[in-house]
Amino acid sequence: MVVEVKVTAEAARRFLVARHFLTPARSLEGGPEAVLQVLRKFGSIQFDPIAVAGRNHDLVLHARVAGYEPSWCDELYERREIFEATNKALSFVPASEFPWFRHVMGRKGPRFHAAALVENAAVAKRVLEQIRVEGPMSSLDFEGEKGRTKDWFGMPENAVRAVLEAYTVTGAIGLARRDGNRRYYDLVERLLPPELLARKVPEREQLRHKLLSRYRAHGLLGAGGAGGTFARIAEPKARNELREELVELGAILSVDIEGVRGKRFVLPEELLLLESPPEPTPSVAFIAPFDALLWDTALLANLFDFEYVWEGFFTPAKRRWGYYVLPIVFGDRLVGRIEPRIDKERARVEVLNVWWEDAFAPGRADGFVDAIRDALRAYLRFANADRLEWAPHLATEKRLFLARP
């Protein structure tokens, strides 16, 4: 039986903020266990190494988990409860879902990575044997090797890096740990329990699970996704078939949202929350650039009246806002943007700029000043900083929001 659901735009907006653990922000208790709660809910969290304001996955978790510390993800790695996989992009995934991520596309597709192993066969054999004998190793533990494999720009790529990536795609090795952004690899059989490695899931089911993981991460995606939302799963025709299978299985339900074109899909276990979302709380969160909440920019425009563009790839002259800017959620609204920088050497956070939406007056919004002060204090703790410095042109914000640890 096909279930047809119709909701108002307000209900959809409040639902998204609530199911993303943002009402209130930073409310999940339990340390590393709370991190696992978020991962199990969303299915995966995108990793990005840029750390000027905090790495993407850390910012995602900081917005939701009380007192979040980046070391908690390291602890979960050591406990083998999370692993890395390509899921839309490089992402953290619960280890329990490993059997559904054996079929990995990688950055450039399985055919490319298989060719990298063939083209660099001698290097590949030597790298794998050295890891087998010596244990976890990074690319810097090997001498650079020339090979036929090309990078994104058509230039020769270090063959060691190419085979390490290819081996992760084929499932021979996995990430053992990180030292900053340096990755150390080990044989996958030394990283995960035998029962997980032994479980075999048909490829079709793996692809369907990955498509479902994107709906889990966002909450209200449409049939076509948005941008690269459904990248590295299958071709569009095959994706449509997979989505229809998910609907037939009852894994996702069709939704009509007032004022939004096209069908959206919700998880059945979240239907009650969608139909009766809670009143938003006056809390503030800073949202990571690749947070799943921001994936569908057209939906953001419809539900939140908020234009979102990540400008990291733009030249400075073409940026309307800034290089690494975090949207600001207040209650169930996106009310502005903030551009913070973490200066670890001086134990400080610099606020380079703030932009407010045209209809939003921060000094007159009930509860906002206290809420953003709480958010800034939490961000200082997250950054391990003891002071906040505002750019000279932000004197008004400095006076309103002055925050101390």
Protein backbone atom coordinates (compact mmCIF):
# COMPACT_ATOMS: atom_id res chain seq x y z
CA MET A 1 0.00 0.00 0.00
CA VAL A 2 1.35 3.40 -1.02
CA VAL A 3 1.12 5.96 1.77
CA GLU A 4 0.57 9.55 0.64
CA VAL A 5 1.62 12.18 3.14
CA LYS A 6 0.95 15.91 2.89
CA VAL A 7 2.51 18.46 5.26
CA THR A 8 2.86 22.21 5.50
CA ALA A 9 6.11 23.98 4.76
CA GLU A 10 6.34 25.00 8.42
CA ALA A 11 5.99 21.39 9.57
CA ALA A 12 8.67 20.27 7.10
CA ARG A 13 11.05 23.00 8.26
CA ARG A 14 10.55 22.22 11.94
CA PHE A 15 10.87 18.51 11.24
CA LEU A 16 14.25 18.94 9.55
CA VAL A 17 15.68 20.95 12.41
CA ALA A 18 14.32 18.50 15.00
CA ARG A 19 15.45 15.29 13.28
CA HIS A 20 18.89 16.83 12.86
CA PHE A 21 19.20 17.10 16.66
CA LEU A 22 19.24 20.91 16.53
CA THR A 23 16.29 21.71 18.83
CA PRO A 24 18.06 22.39 21.03
CA ALA A 25 21.59 22.32 19.67
CA ARG A 26 24.39 20.46 21.45
CA SER A 27 21.86 18.51 23.51
CA LEU A 28 22.92 14.88 23.00
CA GLU A 29 24.70 13.57 26.09
CA GLY A 30 27.02 10.61 26.37
CA GLY A 31 30.37 11.48 24.81
CA PRO A 32 31.45 8.94 22.16
CA GLU A 33 28.14 7.09 22.53
CA ALA A 34 26.30 10.26 21.51
CA VAL A 35 28.56 10.47 18.44
CA LEU A 36 27.49 6.93 17.54
CA GLN A 37 23.85 7.96 18.03
CA VAL A 38 24.25 10.66 15.38
CA LEU A 39 26.07 8.31 13.00
CA ARG A 40 23.46 5.60 13.35
CA LYS A 41 20.72 8.14 12.68
CA PHE A 42 22.33 9.72 9.62
CA GLY A 43 24.12 6.63 8.28
CA SER A 44 27.28 8.59 7.58
CA ILE A 45 28.94 11.97 8.12
CA GLN A 46 31.13 13.56 5.47
CA PHE A 47 34.80 13.99 6.28
CA ASP A 48 36.77 16.93 4.94
CA PRO A 49 40.35 17.76 5.99
CA ILE A 50 40.01 21.56 5.85
CA ALA A 51 40.32 22.67 9.45
CA VAL A 52 40.33 26.48 9.46
CA ALA A 53 37.14 26.54 11.55
CA GLY A 54 37.16 22.86 12.53
CA ARG A 55 36.93 19.85 10.24
CA ASN A 56 33.52 19.20 8.71
CA HIS A 57 32.70 16.05 10.67
CA ASP A 58 33.81 17.69 13.92
CA LEU A 59 31.57 20.70 13.24
CA VAL A 60 28.62 18.43 12.40
CA LEU A 61 29.04 16.62 15.71
CA HIS A 62 29.83 19.76 17.72
CA ALA A 63 26.47 21.22 16.67
CA ARG A 64 24.63 18.22 18.11
CA VAL A 65 26.67 16.59 20.87
CA ALA A 66 27.17 18.25 24.25
CA GLY A 67 30.82 19.07 24.95
CA TYR A 68 31.97 17.33 21.76
CA GLU A 69 35.70 16.65 21.50
CA PRO A 70 37.42 15.59 18.24
CA SER A 71 39.29 12.88 20.16
CA TRP A 72 36.00 11.01 20.54
CA CYS A 73 36.10 10.01 16.86
CA ASP A 74 39.66 8.77 17.37
CA GLU A 75 38.43 6.69 20.30
CA LEU A 76 35.67 5.19 18.18
CA TYR A 77 38.26 4.28 15.53
CA GLU A 78 40.35 2.51 18.14
CA ARG A 79 37.24 0.66 19.30
CA ARG A 80 36.54 -0.26 15.64
CA GLU A 81 33.03 1.17 15.86
CA ILE A 82 33.41 3.50 12.86
CA PHE A 83 35.27 3.27 9.57
CA GLU A 84 35.78 5.40 6.46
CA ALA A 85 33.99 4.78 3.20
CA THR A 86 33.17 6.74 0.08
CA ASN A 87 29.50 7.62 0.53
CA LYS A 88 28.76 10.69 -1.57
CA ALA A 89 32.23 11.76 -0.45
CA LEU A 90 34.74 10.39 2.04
CA SER A 91 32.60 9.72 5.11
CA PHE A 92 32.55 8.13 8.53
CA VAL A 93 30.16 5.17 8.70
CA PRO A 94 29.19 2.88 11.62
CA ALA A 95 31.32 -0.27 11.46
CA SER A 96 28.17 -2.36 11.79
CA GLU A 97 27.27 -1.29 8.23
CA PHE A 98 30.55 -2.43 6.68
CA PRO A 99 28.97 -5.40 4.79
CA TRP A 100 26.80 -2.91 2.87
CA PHE A 101 29.83 -0.85 1.83
CA ARG A 102 31.99 -3.49 0.20
CA HIS A 103 30.98 -2.25 -3.24
CA VAL A 104 32.84 1.05 -3.16
CA MET A 105 33.05 3.47 -6.08
CA GLY A 106 35.98 5.49 -4.75
CA ARG A 107 36.68 8.99 -5.99
CA LYS A 108 36.92 7.98 -9.65
CA GLY A 109 35.00 4.73 -9.85
CA PRO A 110 36.01 1.06 -9.34
CA ARG A 111 37.31 0.64 -12.88
CA PHE A 112 39.86 3.42 -12.39
CA HIS A 113 41.10 2.02 -9.08
CA ALA A 114 41.31 -1.53 -10.42
CA ALA A 115 43.42 -0.20 -13.30
CA ALA A 116 45.69 1.62 -10.82
CA LEU A 117 46.55 -1.73 -9.20
CA VAL A 118 47.27 -3.34 -12.57
CA GLU A 119 49.33 -0.42 -13.87
CA ASN A 120 51.39 -0.32 -10.68
CA ALA A 121 51.45 -4.06 -9.95
CA ALA A 122 55.00 -4.22 -8.56
CA VAL A 123 54.42 -1.22 -6.28
CA ALA A 124 51.06 -2.60 -5.17
CA LYS A 125 52.54 -5.97 -4.24
CA ARG A 126 55.38 -4.36 -2.30
CA VAL A 127 53.10 -1.93 -0.42
CA LEU A 128 50.65 -4.63 0.63
CA GLU A 129 53.40 -6.96 1.82
CA GLN A 130 55.08 -4.22 3.84
CA ILE A 131 51.81 -3.37 5.59
CA ARG A 132 51.25 -7.06 6.25
CA VAL A 133 54.66 -7.36 7.93
CA GLU A 134 55.03 -3.99 9.66
CA GLY A 135 51.46 -3.04 10.53
CA PRO A 136 49.75 0.34 10.04
CA MET A 137 51.60 2.63 7.63
CA SER A 138 51.00 5.96 5.90
CA SER A 139 52.01 6.97 2.40
CA LEU A 140 54.94 8.89 3.91
CA ASP A 141 56.37 5.62 5.25
CA PHE A 142 57.11 4.59 1.67
CA GLU A 143 59.45 6.08 -0.88
CA GLY A 144 57.61 7.92 -3.63
CA GLU A 145 57.18 5.87 -6.79
CA LYS A 146 56.50 6.98 -10.34
CA GLY A 147 53.65 5.27 -12.13
CA ARG A 148 51.20 5.57 -15.00
CA THR A 149 48.27 6.68 -12.84
CA LYS A 150 47.26 10.34 -13.27
CA ASP A 151 45.79 12.72 -10.69
CA TRP A 152 42.77 15.02 -11.14
CA PHE A 153 44.81 17.40 -13.30
CA GLY A 154 46.24 14.74 -15.61
CA MET A 155 49.64 14.83 -13.93
CA PRO A 156 51.53 11.69 -12.84
CA GLU A 157 50.39 10.61 -9.38
CA ASN A 158 52.59 9.06 -6.71
CA ALA A 159 52.03 5.35 -7.37
CA VAL A 160 52.10 4.56 -3.64
CA ARG A 161 49.21 6.93 -2.96
CA ALA A 162 47.32 5.53 -5.95
CA VAL A 163 47.61 1.91 -4.81
CA LEU A 164 46.78 2.74 -1.20
CA GLU A 165 43.56 4.40 -2.33
CA ALA A 166 42.83 1.56 -4.74
CA TYR A 167 43.32 -1.05 -2.04
CA THR A 168 40.85 0.77 0.22
CA VAL A 169 38.32 0.75 -2.63
CA THR A 170 38.79 -2.96 -3.25
CA GLY A 171 38.57 -3.68 0.48
CA ALA A 172 42.07 -5.09 1.00
CA ILE A 173 43.06 -2.39 3.50
CA GLY A 174 41.32 0.18 5.64
CA LEU A 175 42.07 3.15 7.81
CA ALA A 176 43.71 2.17 11.08
CA ARG A 177 44.01 5.67 12.52
CA ARG A 178 44.64 9.32 11.72
CA ASP A 179 47.43 11.57 12.90
CA GLY A 180 45.88 14.93 12.08
CA ASN A 181 45.00 14.46 8.42
CA ARG A 182 47.64 11.80 7.81
CA ARG A 183 46.04 8.40 7.30
CA TYR A 184 47.56 5.11 8.46
CA TYR A 185 46.39 1.94 6.71
CA ASP A 186 46.27 -1.69 7.78
CA LEU A 187 44.89 -4.95 6.46
CA VAL A 188 41.12 -4.89 6.78
CA GLU A 189 41.08 -8.29 8.54
CA ARG A 190 43.03 -6.66 11.38
CA LEU A 191 40.60 -3.77 11.63
CA LEU A 192 37.14 -5.33 11.82
CA PRO A 193 35.60 -8.34 13.60
CA PRO A 194 35.58 -11.62 11.63
CA GLU A 195 31.79 -11.83 11.71
CA LEU A 196 31.49 -8.49 9.88
CA LEU A 197 34.09 -9.50 7.30
CA ALA A 198 32.38 -12.86 6.80
CA ARG A 199 28.95 -11.38 6.06
CA LYS A 200 28.26 -11.14 2.34
CA VAL A 201 25.55 -8.82 1.06
CA PRO A 202 24.42 -8.94 -2.59
CA GLU A 203 25.66 -5.99 -4.62
CA ARG A 204 22.12 -4.86 -5.45
CA GLU A 205 21.28 -4.70 -1.76
CA GLN A 206 24.47 -2.74 -1.08
CA LEU A 207 23.54 -0.14 -3.71
CA ARG A 208 20.02 0.13 -2.32
CA HIS A 209 21.41 0.58 1.18
CA LYS A 210 23.69 3.40 0.01
CA LEU A 211 20.80 5.18 -1.66
CA LEU A 212 18.80 4.80 1.54
CA SER A 213 21.75 6.20 3.51
CA ARG A 214 21.42 9.52 1.63
CA TYR A 215 17.73 9.74 2.58
CA ARG A 216 18.70 8.89 6.17
CA ALA A 217 21.33 11.62 6.23
CA HIS A 218 19.09 14.43 4.97
CA GLY A 219 15.56 13.50 5.97
CA LEU A 220 13.50 14.93 3.09
CA LEU A 221 15.36 14.41 -0.17
CA GLY A 222 13.54 14.34 -3.49
CA ALA A 223 13.72 11.72 -6.22
CA GLY A 224 16.66 13.36 -7.96
CA GLY A 225 18.57 14.37 -4.88
CA ALA A 226 20.45 17.63 -5.19
CA GLY A 227 23.84 18.35 -6.72
CA GLY A 228 26.03 15.37 -6.00
CA THR A 229 23.75 13.88 -3.35
CA PHE A 230 23.41 10.56 -5.15
CA ALA A 231 26.91 10.49 -6.63
CA ARG A 232 28.91 7.26 -6.68
CA ILE A 233 25.94 4.93 -6.34
CA ALA A 234 24.76 4.13 -9.85
CA GLU A 235 23.67 5.76 -13.09
CA PRO A 236 20.41 7.80 -12.97
CA LYS A 237 18.23 5.06 -14.50
CA ALA A 238 19.54 2.46 -12.05
CA ARG A 239 19.11 4.90 -9.16
CA ASN A 240 15.46 5.41 -10.10
CA GLU A 241 14.94 1.66 -10.01
CA LEU A 242 16.65 1.43 -6.63
CA ARG A 243 14.46 4.23 -5.25
CA GLU A 244 11.32 2.48 -6.50
CA GLU A 245 12.48 -0.67 -4.73
CA LEU A 246 12.92 1.30 -1.50
CA VAL A 247 9.37 2.64 -1.85
CA GLU A 248 7.97 -0.83 -2.53
CA LEU A 249 9.83 -2.19 0.49
CA GLY A 250 8.40 0.58 2.66
CA ALA A 251 11.89 1.88 3.48
CA ILE A 252 10.92 5.41 2.40
CA LEU A 253 7.53 7.11 2.10
CA SER A 254 6.42 9.72 -0.43
CA VAL A 255 5.67 13.21 0.90
CA ASP A 256 4.05 16.30 -0.60
CA ILE A 257 5.26 19.53 0.99
CA GLU A 258 3.25 22.71 0.65
CA GLY A 259 4.89 25.03 -1.89
CA VAL A 260 7.63 22.55 -2.85
CA ARG A 261 7.69 21.02 -6.31
CA GLY A 262 8.00 17.27 -6.67
CA LYS A 263 7.80 14.39 -4.24
CA ARG A 264 9.98 14.16 -1.18
CA PHE A 265 10.74 11.03 0.81
CA VAL A 266 10.82 10.39 4.55
CA LEU A 267 11.81 7.37 6.63
CA PRO A 268 8.68 5.62 7.98
CA GLU A 269 9.98 5.76 11.55
CA GLU A 270 10.15 9.57 11.23
CA LEU A 271 6.64 10.06 9.85
CA LEU A 272 5.09 10.93 13.21
CA LEU A 273 7.78 13.56 13.83
CA LEU A 274 7.15 15.03 10.36
CA GLU A 275 3.41 15.29 10.94
CA SER A 276 3.75 16.69 14.49
CA PRO A 277 7.14 18.39 14.86
CA PRO A 278 7.91 20.13 18.16
CA GLU A 279 7.97 23.86 18.68
CA PRO A 280 11.53 25.11 18.02
CA THR A 281 13.71 26.03 20.96
CA PRO A 282 15.69 29.32 21.07
CA SER A 283 19.12 27.77 20.58
CA VAL A 284 21.86 28.59 18.08
CA ALA A 285 24.09 26.23 16.13
CA PHE A 286 26.80 26.88 13.54
CA ILE A 287 26.33 24.46 10.63
CA ALA A 288 29.24 22.81 8.82
CA PRO A 289 29.56 23.52 5.07
CA PHE A 290 28.95 19.87 4.11
CA ASP A 291 26.36 19.12 6.77
CA ALA A 292 23.57 16.98 5.28
CA LEU A 293 21.04 19.63 6.34
CA LEU A 294 22.52 21.90 3.65
CA TRP A 295 22.68 19.38 0.80
CA ASP A 296 19.48 20.45 -0.94
CA THR A 297 19.92 24.16 -1.58
CA ALA A 298 16.59 24.45 -3.45
CA LEU A 299 14.75 23.07 -0.42
CA LEU A 300 16.62 25.50 1.83
CA ALA A 301 15.38 28.33 -0.36
CA ASN A 302 11.80 27.02 -0.22
CA LEU A 303 11.53 26.15 3.46
CA PHE A 304 14.00 28.54 5.08
CA ASP A 305 14.11 31.36 2.51
CA PHE A 306 17.89 30.97 2.70
CA GLU A 307 20.35 31.03 -0.18
CA TYR A 308 23.24 28.67 0.42
CA VAL A 309 26.37 28.41 -1.72
CA TRP A 310 29.67 27.01 -0.51
CA GLU A 311 32.25 29.41 -1.92
CA GLY A 312 35.44 27.54 -1.03
CA PHE A 313 36.20 26.86 -4.69
CA PHE A 314 35.46 30.45 -5.77
CA THR A 315 38.19 33.01 -6.28
CA PRO A 316 38.12 35.72 -3.58
CA ALA A 317 36.78 38.27 -6.05
CA LYS A 318 33.73 36.07 -6.77
CA ARG A 319 32.83 35.34 -3.16
CA ARG A 320 29.69 37.00 -1.87
CA TRP A 321 30.34 35.79 1.66
CA GLY A 322 33.64 34.05 2.39
CA TYR A 323 35.93 31.05 2.08
CA TYR A 324 34.75 28.92 5.02
CA VAL A 325 31.44 30.26 6.27
CA LEU A 326 29.03 28.52 8.66
CA PRO A 327 25.26 29.13 8.37
CA ILE A 328 23.61 30.04 11.68
CA VAL A 329 20.50 28.14 12.83
CA PHE A 330 18.28 29.85 15.42
CA GLY A 331 15.24 27.83 16.39
CA ASP A 332 13.83 26.62 13.08
CA ARG A 333 15.35 29.42 10.99
CA LEU A 334 18.59 30.05 9.17
CA VAL A 335 19.24 33.61 10.20
CA GLY A 336 22.76 34.40 9.00
CA ARG A 337 26.33 33.30 8.45
CA ILE A 338 29.51 33.49 10.50
CA GLU A 339 33.14 33.17 9.38
CA PRO A 340 35.29 32.00 12.31
CA ARG A 341 38.97 31.03 12.27
CA ILE A 342 40.69 28.93 14.91
CA ASP A 343 44.18 30.15 15.79
CA LYS A 344 45.64 27.22 17.72
CA GLU A 345 49.00 28.84 18.39
CA ARG A 346 47.39 31.81 20.14
CA ALA A 347 44.49 29.80 21.63
CA ARG A 348 41.94 32.17 20.13
CA VAL A 349 39.03 32.29 17.73
CA GLU A 350 38.84 35.16 15.26
CA VAL A 351 35.48 36.16 13.80
CA LEU A 352 36.29 37.58 10.40
CA ASN A 353 32.74 38.43 9.39
CA VAL A 354 29.05 37.94 10.09
CA TRP A 355 26.17 38.33 7.64
CA TRP A 356 22.53 38.55 8.75
CA GLU A 357 19.50 37.76 6.66
CA ASP A 358 17.64 40.87 5.55
CA ALA A 359 14.58 40.27 7.75
CA PHE A 360 16.55 39.34 10.85
CA ALA A 361 17.56 41.81 13.58
CA PRO A 362 19.75 39.92 16.08
CA GLY A 363 19.33 42.47 18.87
CA ARG A 364 15.53 42.34 18.70
CA ALA A 365 14.93 38.59 18.25
CA ASP A 366 13.62 37.07 21.48
CA GLY A 367 16.21 34.79 23.04
CA PHE A 368 18.77 35.16 20.28
CA VAL A 369 21.47 37.09 22.14
CA ASP A 370 21.62 34.58 24.98
CA ALA A 371 21.48 31.67 22.53
CA ILE A 372 24.37 32.88 20.39
CA ARG A 373 26.43 33.66 23.48
CA ASP A 374 25.96 30.01 24.51
CA ALA A 375 26.93 28.91 21.00
CA LEU A 376 30.07 31.06 21.01
CA ARG A 377 31.13 29.79 24.43
CA ALA A 378 30.64 26.21 23.24
CA TYR A 379 32.63 26.96 20.09
CA LEU A 380 35.51 28.37 22.13
CA ARG A 381 35.62 25.16 24.17
CA PHE A 382 35.48 23.11 20.97
CA ALA A 383 38.38 25.14 19.54
CA ASN A 384 40.34 24.80 22.80
CA ALA A 385 40.60 28.60 22.80
CA ASP A 386 40.36 31.05 25.68
CA ARG A 387 39.39 34.23 23.85
CA LEU A 388 37.27 35.51 21.01
CA GLU A 389 38.41 38.35 18.77
CA TRP A 390 36.12 40.25 16.44
CA ALA A 391 37.08 42.02 13.23
CA PRO A 392 36.99 45.84 13.72
CA HIS A 393 33.85 46.30 11.62
CA LEU A 394 31.92 43.91 13.91
CA ALA A 395 31.80 46.27 16.89
CA THR A 396 28.02 45.89 17.20
CA GLU A 397 28.22 42.10 17.30
CA LYS A 398 31.11 42.23 19.75
CA ARG A 399 29.07 44.38 22.12
CA LEU A 400 25.95 42.21 21.82
CA PHE A 401 27.56 38.79 21.92
CA LEU A 402 30.69 39.20 24.00
CA ALA A 403 31.35 35.64 25.18
CA ARG A 404 33.87 34.24 27.60
CA PRO A 405 34.71 30.56 28.17
